[in-house]
C-alpha atoms as a PDB file:
ATOM      1  CA  MET A   1     -53.494 -16.543  50.627  1.00  0.00           C
ATOM      2  CA  LYS A   2     -51.607 -18.939  48.290  1.00  0.00           C
ATOM      3  CA  THR A   3     -54.892 -20.386  46.994  1.00  0.00           C
ATOM      4  CA  PHE A   4     -55.940 -16.861  46.285  1.00  0.00           C
ATOM      5  CA  ASP A   5     -52.768 -15.920  44.436  1.00  0.00           C
ATOM      6  CA  LYS A   6     -53.267 -19.087  42.339  1.00  0.00           C
ATOM      7  CA  ARG A   7     -56.718 -18.153  41.350  1.00  0.00           C
ATOM      8  CA  LEU A   8     -55.699 -14.551  40.477  1.00  0.00           C
ATOM      9  CA  THR A   9     -52.708 -15.570  38.421  1.00  0.00           C
ATOM     10  CA  THR A  10     -54.952 -18.051  36.575  1.00  0.00           C
ATOM     11  CA  LEU A  11     -57.647 -15.367  35.766  1.00  0.00           C
ATOM     12  CA  LEU A  12     -55.173 -12.788  34.673  1.00  0.00           C
ATOM     13  CA  ALA A  13     -53.137 -15.120  32.532  1.00  0.00           C
ATOM     14  CA  PHE A  14     -56.187 -16.213  30.734  1.00  0.00           C
ATOM     15  CA  LEU A  15     -57.205 -12.602  30.125  1.00  0.00           C
ATOM     16  CA  LEU A  16     -53.840 -11.887  28.745  1.00  0.00           C
ATOM     17  CA  LEU A  17     -54.202 -14.754  26.343  1.00  0.00           C
ATOM     18  CA  LEU A  18     -57.527 -13.520  25.026  1.00  0.00           C
ATOM     19  CA  THR A  19     -56.447  -9.853  24.972  1.00  0.00           C
ATOM     20  CA  PHE A  20     -53.330 -10.541  22.769  1.00  0.00           C
ATOM     21  CA  VAL A  21     -55.036 -12.692  20.139  1.00  0.00           C
ATOM     22  CA  GLY A  22     -58.691 -11.380  20.063  1.00  0.00           C
ATOM     23  CA  PRO A  23     -58.461  -8.129  18.044  1.00  0.00           C
ATOM     24  CA  VAL A  24     -55.988  -9.945  15.512  1.00  0.00           C
ATOM     25  CA  LEU A  25     -58.221 -12.812  14.873  1.00  0.00           C
ATOM     26  CA  ALA A  26     -61.758 -11.133  15.011  1.00  0.00           C
ATOM     27  CA  HIS A  27     -62.440 -11.961  11.268  1.00  0.00           C
ATOM     28  CA  HIS A  28     -65.357 -13.918   9.941  1.00  0.00           C
ATOM     29  CA  PRO A  29     -65.079 -17.686   9.802  1.00  0.00           C
ATOM     30  CA  MET A  30     -67.317 -17.765   6.781  1.00  0.00           C
ATOM     31  CA  GLY A  31     -64.665 -16.309   4.457  1.00  0.00           C
ATOM     32  CA  GLY A  32     -65.723 -12.797   4.912  1.00  0.00           C
ATOM     33  CA  GLN A  33     -69.266 -13.407   3.910  1.00  0.00           C
ATOM     34  CA  THR A  34     -72.236 -12.321   6.104  1.00  0.00           C
ATOM     35  CA  PRO A  35     -74.169 -15.367   7.297  1.00  0.00           C
ATOM     36  CA  GLU A  36     -77.627 -15.770   5.636  1.00  0.00           C
ATOM     37  CA  THR A  37     -78.991 -18.792   7.395  1.00  0.00           C
ATOM     38  CA  ALA A  38     -79.299 -19.883  11.012  1.00  0.00           C
ATOM     39  CA  LEU A  39     -76.728 -22.628  10.509  1.00  0.00           C
ATOM     40  CA  GLN A  40     -74.256 -20.214   9.030  1.00  0.00           C
ATOM     41  CA  GLY A  41     -74.830 -17.771  11.899  1.00  0.00           C
ATOM     42  CA  LEU A  42     -74.372 -20.698  14.514  1.00  0.00           C
ATOM     43  CA  LEU A  43     -71.134 -21.763  12.836  1.00  0.00           C
ATOM     44  CA  SER A  44     -69.897 -18.101  12.643  1.00  0.00           C
ATOM     45  CA  GLY A  45     -70.494 -17.858  16.432  1.00  0.00           C
ATOM     46  CA  PHE A  46     -68.520 -21.086  17.095  1.00  0.00           C
ATOM     47  CA  GLY A  47     -65.773 -20.113  14.642  1.00  0.00           C
ATOM     48  CA  ILE A  48     -64.640 -16.833  15.916  1.00  0.00           C
ATOM     49  CA  PRO A  49     -63.643 -17.860  19.480  1.00  0.00           C
ATOM     50  CA  LEU A  50     -62.181 -21.294  18.048  1.00  0.00           C
ATOM     51  CA  SER A  51     -60.004 -19.329  15.620  1.00  0.00           C
ATOM     52  CA  VAL A  52     -58.438 -17.534  18.754  1.00  0.00           C
ATOM     53  CA  TRP A  53     -57.626 -20.906  20.385  1.00  0.00           C
ATOM     54  CA  ILE A  54     -55.980 -22.387  17.272  1.00  0.00           C
ATOM     55  CA  ILE A  55     -52.860 -20.586  18.162  1.00  0.00           C
ATOM     56  CA  TRP A  56     -52.606 -22.246  21.581  1.00  0.00           C
ATOM     57  CA  PRO A  57     -51.854 -25.796  20.334  1.00  0.00           C
ATOM     58  CA  SER A  58     -50.884 -27.059  23.638  1.00  0.00           C
ATOM     59  CA  SER A  59     -54.292 -26.498  25.057  1.00  0.00           C
ATOM     60  CA  SER A  60     -55.946 -29.600  23.489  1.00  0.00           C
ATOM     61  CA  SER A  61     -53.281 -31.888  24.797  1.00  0.00           C
ATOM     62  CA  ARG A  62     -53.274 -30.461  28.374  1.00  0.00           C
ATOM     63  CA  VAL A  63     -56.971 -30.272  29.204  1.00  0.00           C
ATOM     64  CA  ARG A  64     -57.568 -34.151  29.483  1.00  0.00           C
ATOM     65  CA  GLY A  65     -58.099 -35.143  33.106  1.00  0.00           C
ATOM     66  CA  LEU A  66     -57.883 -31.594  34.458  1.00  0.00           C
ATOM     67  CA  ARG A  67     -60.164 -30.049  36.861  1.00  0.00           C
ATOM     68  CA  CYS A  68     -60.908 -26.525  38.130  1.00  0.00           C
ATOM     69  CA  GLU A  69     -59.900 -25.833  41.768  1.00  0.00           C
ATOM     70  CA  SER A  70     -62.563 -23.251  42.509  1.00  0.00           C
ATOM     71  CA  GLU A  71     -65.961 -22.231  41.162  1.00  0.00           C
ATOM     72  CA  THR A  72     -64.953 -18.730  42.261  1.00  0.00           C
ATOM     73  CA  THR A  73     -62.359 -18.618  39.523  1.00  0.00           C
ATOM     74  CA  LEU A  74     -64.857 -19.614  36.839  1.00  0.00           C
ATOM     75  CA  ARG A  75     -67.453 -17.142  38.083  1.00  0.00           C
ATOM     76  CA  ALA A  76     -64.994 -14.402  37.956  1.00  0.00           C
ATOM     77  CA  ALA A  77     -63.741 -15.112  34.552  1.00  0.00           C
ATOM     78  CA  ALA A  78     -67.289 -15.529  33.374  1.00  0.00           C
ATOM     79  CA  GLY A  79     -67.479 -11.726  33.490  1.00  0.00           C
ATOM     80  CA  PHE A  80     -65.697 -11.726  30.082  1.00  0.00           C
ATOM     81  CA  HIS A  81     -68.651 -13.541  28.463  1.00  0.00           C
ATOM     82  CA  PRO A  82     -71.441 -11.076  29.094  1.00  0.00           C
ATOM     83  CA  GLY A  83     -68.997  -8.271  28.305  1.00  0.00           C
ATOM     84  CA  ASN A  84     -68.388  -9.976  24.859  1.00  0.00           C
ATOM     85  CA  LEU A  85     -72.174 -10.017  24.090  1.00  0.00           C
ATOM     86  CA  ALA A  86     -72.526  -6.422  25.266  1.00  0.00           C
ATOM     87  CA  GLY A  87     -69.686  -5.387  23.128  1.00  0.00           C
ATOM     88  CA  THR A  88     -71.117  -7.062  19.971  1.00  0.00           C
ATOM     89  CA  GLY A  89     -74.519  -5.626  20.843  1.00  0.00           C
ATOM     90  CA  ILE A  90     -72.971  -2.004  20.919  1.00  0.00           C
ATOM     91  CA  HIS A  91     -71.350  -2.604  17.494  1.00  0.00           C
ATOM     92  CA  LEU A  92     -74.625  -3.918  15.949  1.00  0.00           C
ATOM     93  CA  ALA A  93     -76.507  -0.999  17.267  1.00  0.00           C
ATOM     94  CA  ALA A  94     -74.126   1.223  15.279  1.00  0.00           C
ATOM     95  CA  LEU A  95     -72.769   2.871  18.410  1.00  0.00           C
ATOM     96  CA  ASP A  96     -69.181   3.949  18.348  1.00  0.00           C
ATOM     97  CA  ILE A  97     -66.658   3.076  21.086  1.00  0.00           C
ATOM     98  CA  PRO A  98     -63.910   5.854  20.730  1.00  0.00           C
ATOM     99  CA  TYR A  99     -60.372   4.688  21.155  1.00  0.00           C
ATOM    100  CA  ALA A 100     -61.440   1.124  21.475  1.00  0.00           C
ATOM    101  CA  GLU A 101     -58.131  -0.194  20.481  1.00  0.00           C
ATOM    102  CA  SER A 102     -56.509   1.917  23.115  1.00  0.00           C
ATOM    103  CA  PHE A 103     -58.760   0.609  25.824  1.00  0.00           C
ATOM    104  CA  VAL A 104     -57.934  -2.947  24.722  1.00  0.00           C
ATOM    105  CA  ALA A 105     -54.138  -1.989  25.084  1.00  0.00           C
ATOM    106  CA  GLY A 106     -54.995  -0.634  28.421  1.00  0.00           C
ATOM    107  CA  THR A 107     -56.434  -3.743  29.752  1.00  0.00           C
ATOM    108  CA  VAL A 108     -53.302  -5.656  28.720  1.00  0.00           C
ATOM    109  CA  LEU A 109     -51.195  -3.087  30.534  1.00  0.00           C
ATOM    110  CA  LEU A 110     -53.358  -3.280  33.687  1.00  0.00           C
ATOM    111  CA  ALA A 111     -53.486  -7.104  33.788  1.00  0.00           C
ATOM    112  CA  GLY A 112     -49.701  -7.110  33.455  1.00  0.00           C
ATOM    113  CA  VAL A 113     -49.425  -4.796  36.510  1.00  0.00           C
ATOM    114  CA  LEU A 114     -51.832  -7.051  38.571  1.00  0.00           C
ATOM    115  CA  LEU A 115     -49.747 -10.060  37.602  1.00  0.00           C
ATOM    116  CA  ILE A 116     -46.423  -8.574  38.724  1.00  0.00           C
ATOM    117  CA  LEU A 117     -48.091  -7.252  41.961  1.00  0.00           C
ATOM    118  CA  PRO A 118     -50.804  -9.928  42.751  1.00  0.00           C
ATOM    119  CA  GLY A 119     -51.257  -8.750  46.183  1.00  0.00           C
ATOM    120  CA  VAL A 120     -52.881  -5.450  45.196  1.00  0.00           C
ATOM    121  CA  ALA A 121     -55.783  -7.063  43.385  1.00  0.00           C
ATOM    122  CA  LYS A 122     -58.973  -8.723  44.551  1.00  0.00           C
ATOM    123  CA  THR A 123     -61.382 -11.224  43.011  1.00  0.00           C
ATOM    124  CA  ARG A 124     -64.023  -8.425  42.265  1.00  0.00           C
ATOM    125  CA  LEU A 125     -61.475  -6.307  40.604  1.00  0.00           C
ATOM    126  CA  THR A 126     -60.317  -9.087  38.416  1.00  0.00           C
ATOM    127  CA  ALA A 127     -63.883  -9.939  37.359  1.00  0.00           C
ATOM    128  CA  LEU A 128     -64.453  -6.343  36.537  1.00  0.00           C
ATOM    129  CA  LEU A 129     -61.358  -6.217  34.416  1.00  0.00           C
ATOM    130  CA  PHE A 130     -62.522  -9.418  32.473  1.00  0.00           C
ATOM    131  CA  ALA A 131     -65.956  -7.665  31.851  1.00  0.00           C
ATOM    132  CA  ILE A 132     -64.414  -4.565  30.603  1.00  0.00           C
ATOM    133  CA  ALA A 133     -61.976  -6.302  28.314  1.00  0.00           C
ATOM    134  CA  GLY A 134     -64.834  -8.446  27.052  1.00  0.00           C
ATOM    135  CA  ILE A 135     -66.783  -5.383  25.939  1.00  0.00           C
ATOM    136  CA  PHE A 136     -63.925  -4.225  23.625  1.00  0.00           C
ATOM    137  CA  HIS A 137     -63.294  -7.636  22.365  1.00  0.00           C
ATOM    138  CA  GLY A 138     -67.066  -8.127  21.586  1.00  0.00           C
ATOM    139  CA  TYR A 139     -66.992  -4.792  19.784  1.00  0.00           C
ATOM    140  CA  ALA A 140     -64.357  -6.102  17.502  1.00  0.00           C
ATOM    141  CA  TYR A 141     -66.157  -9.310  16.932  1.00  0.00           C
ATOM    142  CA  GLY A 142     -69.324  -7.633  16.097  1.00  0.00           C
ATOM    143  CA  GLU A 143     -67.710  -6.419  12.826  1.00  0.00           C
ATOM    144  CA  SER A 144     -68.126  -9.964  11.435  1.00  0.00           C
ATOM    145  CA  ILE A 145     -71.955 -10.058  11.807  1.00  0.00           C
ATOM    146  CA  ILE A 146     -73.018  -6.465  10.557  1.00  0.00           C
ATOM    147  CA  GLY A 147     -75.646  -6.705   7.945  1.00  0.00           C
ATOM    148  CA  ALA A 148     -77.074 -10.099   8.908  1.00  0.00           C
ATOM    149  CA  GLU A 149     -80.823 -10.774   9.224  1.00  0.00           C
ATOM    150  CA  GLN A 150     -82.433 -11.551  12.563  1.00  0.00           C
ATOM    151  CA  THR A 151     -82.408 -15.367  12.476  1.00  0.00           C
ATOM    152  CA  PRO A 152     -78.697 -15.713  11.679  1.00  0.00           C
ATOM    153  CA  LEU A 153     -77.786 -12.880  14.005  1.00  0.00           C
ATOM    154  CA  PHE A 154     -79.577 -14.746  16.940  1.00  0.00           C
ATOM    155  CA  ALA A 155     -77.884 -17.938  15.997  1.00  0.00           C
ATOM    156  CA  TYR A 156     -74.637 -16.268  15.914  1.00  0.00           C
ATOM    157  CA  LEU A 157     -75.039 -14.921  19.388  1.00  0.00           C
ATOM    158  CA  VAL A 158     -76.100 -18.317  20.640  1.00  0.00           C
ATOM    159  CA  GLY A 159     -73.160 -20.066  19.217  1.00  0.00           C
ATOM    160  CA  PHE A 160     -70.680 -17.299  20.272  1.00  0.00           C
ATOM    161  CA  ALA A 161     -71.999 -17.489  23.998  1.00  0.00           C
ATOM    162  CA  VAL A 162     -71.831 -21.343  24.170  1.00  0.00           C
ATOM    163  CA  ILE A 163     -68.412 -21.752  22.608  1.00  0.00           C
ATOM    164  CA  GLN A 164     -66.937 -18.848  24.410  1.00  0.00           C
ATOM    165  CA  TYR A 165     -67.873 -20.067  27.814  1.00  0.00           C
ATOM    166  CA  THR A 166     -66.923 -23.685  27.007  1.00  0.00           C
ATOM    167  CA  LEU A 167     -63.461 -22.707  25.843  1.00  0.00           C
ATOM    168  CA  MET A 168     -63.122 -20.403  28.887  1.00  0.00           C
ATOM    169  CA  ALA A 169     -63.899 -23.279  31.280  1.00  0.00           C
ATOM    170  CA  LEU A 170     -61.334 -25.633  29.624  1.00  0.00           C
ATOM    171  CA  GLY A 171     -58.675 -22.914  29.545  1.00  0.00           C
ATOM    172  CA  LEU A 172     -59.099 -22.142  33.251  1.00  0.00           C
ATOM    173  CA  MET A 173     -59.036 -25.857  34.091  1.00  0.00           C
ATOM    174  CA  ALA A 174     -55.665 -26.213  32.077  1.00  0.00           C
ATOM    175  CA  MET A 175     -54.022 -23.176  33.644  1.00  0.00           C
ATOM    176  CA  ALA A 176     -55.117 -24.185  37.118  1.00  0.00           C
ATOM    177  CA  TRP A 177     -53.442 -27.541  36.629  1.00  0.00           C
ATOM    178  CA  LEU A 178     -50.285 -26.067  35.334  1.00  0.00           C
ATOM    179  CA  HIS A 179     -50.039 -23.616  38.232  1.00  0.00           C
ATOM    180  CA  ASN A 180     -50.675 -26.318  40.817  1.00  0.00           C
ATOM    181  CA  ARG A 181     -47.891 -28.531  39.677  1.00  0.00           C
ATOM    182  CA  ASP A 182     -45.133 -26.148  40.929  1.00  0.00           C
ATOM    183  CA  GLU A 183     -45.455 -23.311  43.152  1.00  0.00           C
ATOM    184  CA  ALA A 184     -42.170 -21.674  42.195  1.00  0.00           C
ATOM    185  CA  MET A 185     -42.999 -21.913  38.462  1.00  0.00           C
ATOM    186  CA  GLN A 186     -46.359 -20.406  39.135  1.00  0.00           C
ATOM    187  CA  HIS A 187     -44.821 -17.171  40.617  1.00  0.00           C
ATOM    188  CA  MET A 188     -42.097 -17.071  37.912  1.00  0.00           C
ATOM    189  CA  THR A 189     -44.643 -17.394  35.179  1.00  0.00           C
ATOM    190  CA  ALA A 190     -46.744 -14.756  36.774  1.00  0.00           C
ATOM    191  CA  ARG A 191     -43.807 -12.154  36.856  1.00  0.00           C
ATOM    192  CA  ILE A 192     -42.506 -13.011  33.287  1.00  0.00           C
ATOM    193  CA  SER A 193     -46.098 -12.857  31.833  1.00  0.00           C
ATOM    194  CA  GLY A 194     -46.776  -9.553  33.791  1.00  0.00           C
ATOM    195  CA  GLY A 195     -43.664  -7.889  32.529  1.00  0.00           C
ATOM    196  CA  ALA A 196     -44.375  -9.141  28.865  1.00  0.00           C
ATOM    197  CA  ALA A 197     -47.907  -7.710  29.213  1.00  0.00           C
ATOM    198  CA  VAL A 198     -46.775  -4.291  30.486  1.00  0.00           C
ATOM    199  CA  ALA A 199     -44.339  -4.127  27.539  1.00  0.00           C
ATOM    200  CA  ILE A 200     -46.757  -5.241  24.968  1.00  0.00           C
ATOM    201  CA  GLY A 201     -49.592  -3.137  26.465  1.00  0.00           C
ATOM    202  CA  CYS A 202     -47.447  -0.109  26.224  1.00  0.00           C
ATOM    203  CA  LEU A 203     -46.442  -0.919  22.539  1.00  0.00           C
ATOM    204  CA  PHE A 204     -50.140  -1.392  21.649  1.00  0.00           C
ATOM    205  CA  LEU A 205     -51.129   1.842  23.594  1.00  0.00           C
ATOM    206  CA  PHE A 206     -48.591   3.855  21.780  1.00  0.00           C
ATOM    207  CA  SER A 207     -49.252   2.498  18.364  1.00  0.00           C
ATOM    208  CA  SER A 208     -53.077   3.114  18.733  1.00  0.00           C
ATOM    209  CA  PHE A 209     -52.438   6.842  18.927  1.00  0.00           C
ATOM    210  CA  GLY A 210     -49.941   6.639  15.961  1.00  0.00           C
END
């Protein structure tokens, strides 16, 4: 049971990290210009997820020598990745997701509740939450590639997929290591993060209707 709680806390904490910063930093790494070549498309795909991780400076110093405790954790969190691609595809297909910002806020709120009450969640539910959140983030990321030709568009999606999963794996490894160091700290961090997520989720949700 303790191992399960650690996995769940790691997953939800990572989801919160991405949810907080994703919509804010979903801008184009090429200075607002639509990529015109395969290389520019690839760099754009690399650059958007990397811009998210710049605001977490401790990650680069903490991932050395870390290991992920369970493949289950990584597989569940990987639901965010196909969700991202699906969301980007929806935006590129000129399909509208109504109240997308409200749904993003809702995922923050739900993740906070699951962190505060980890016993009510299961791994499949967490994976589903990742996938749903990924769709809305991917929808936001898609704004940066609208109007690109087929070749840079394909390169963008390849770069985006590769760097997203790589950073996800490193982030999960780092968080698993942090949570394994002190069980009491793990539970305290989960409760504090959950409370903050609920508060921020409510704030975002109300502001999205404002």
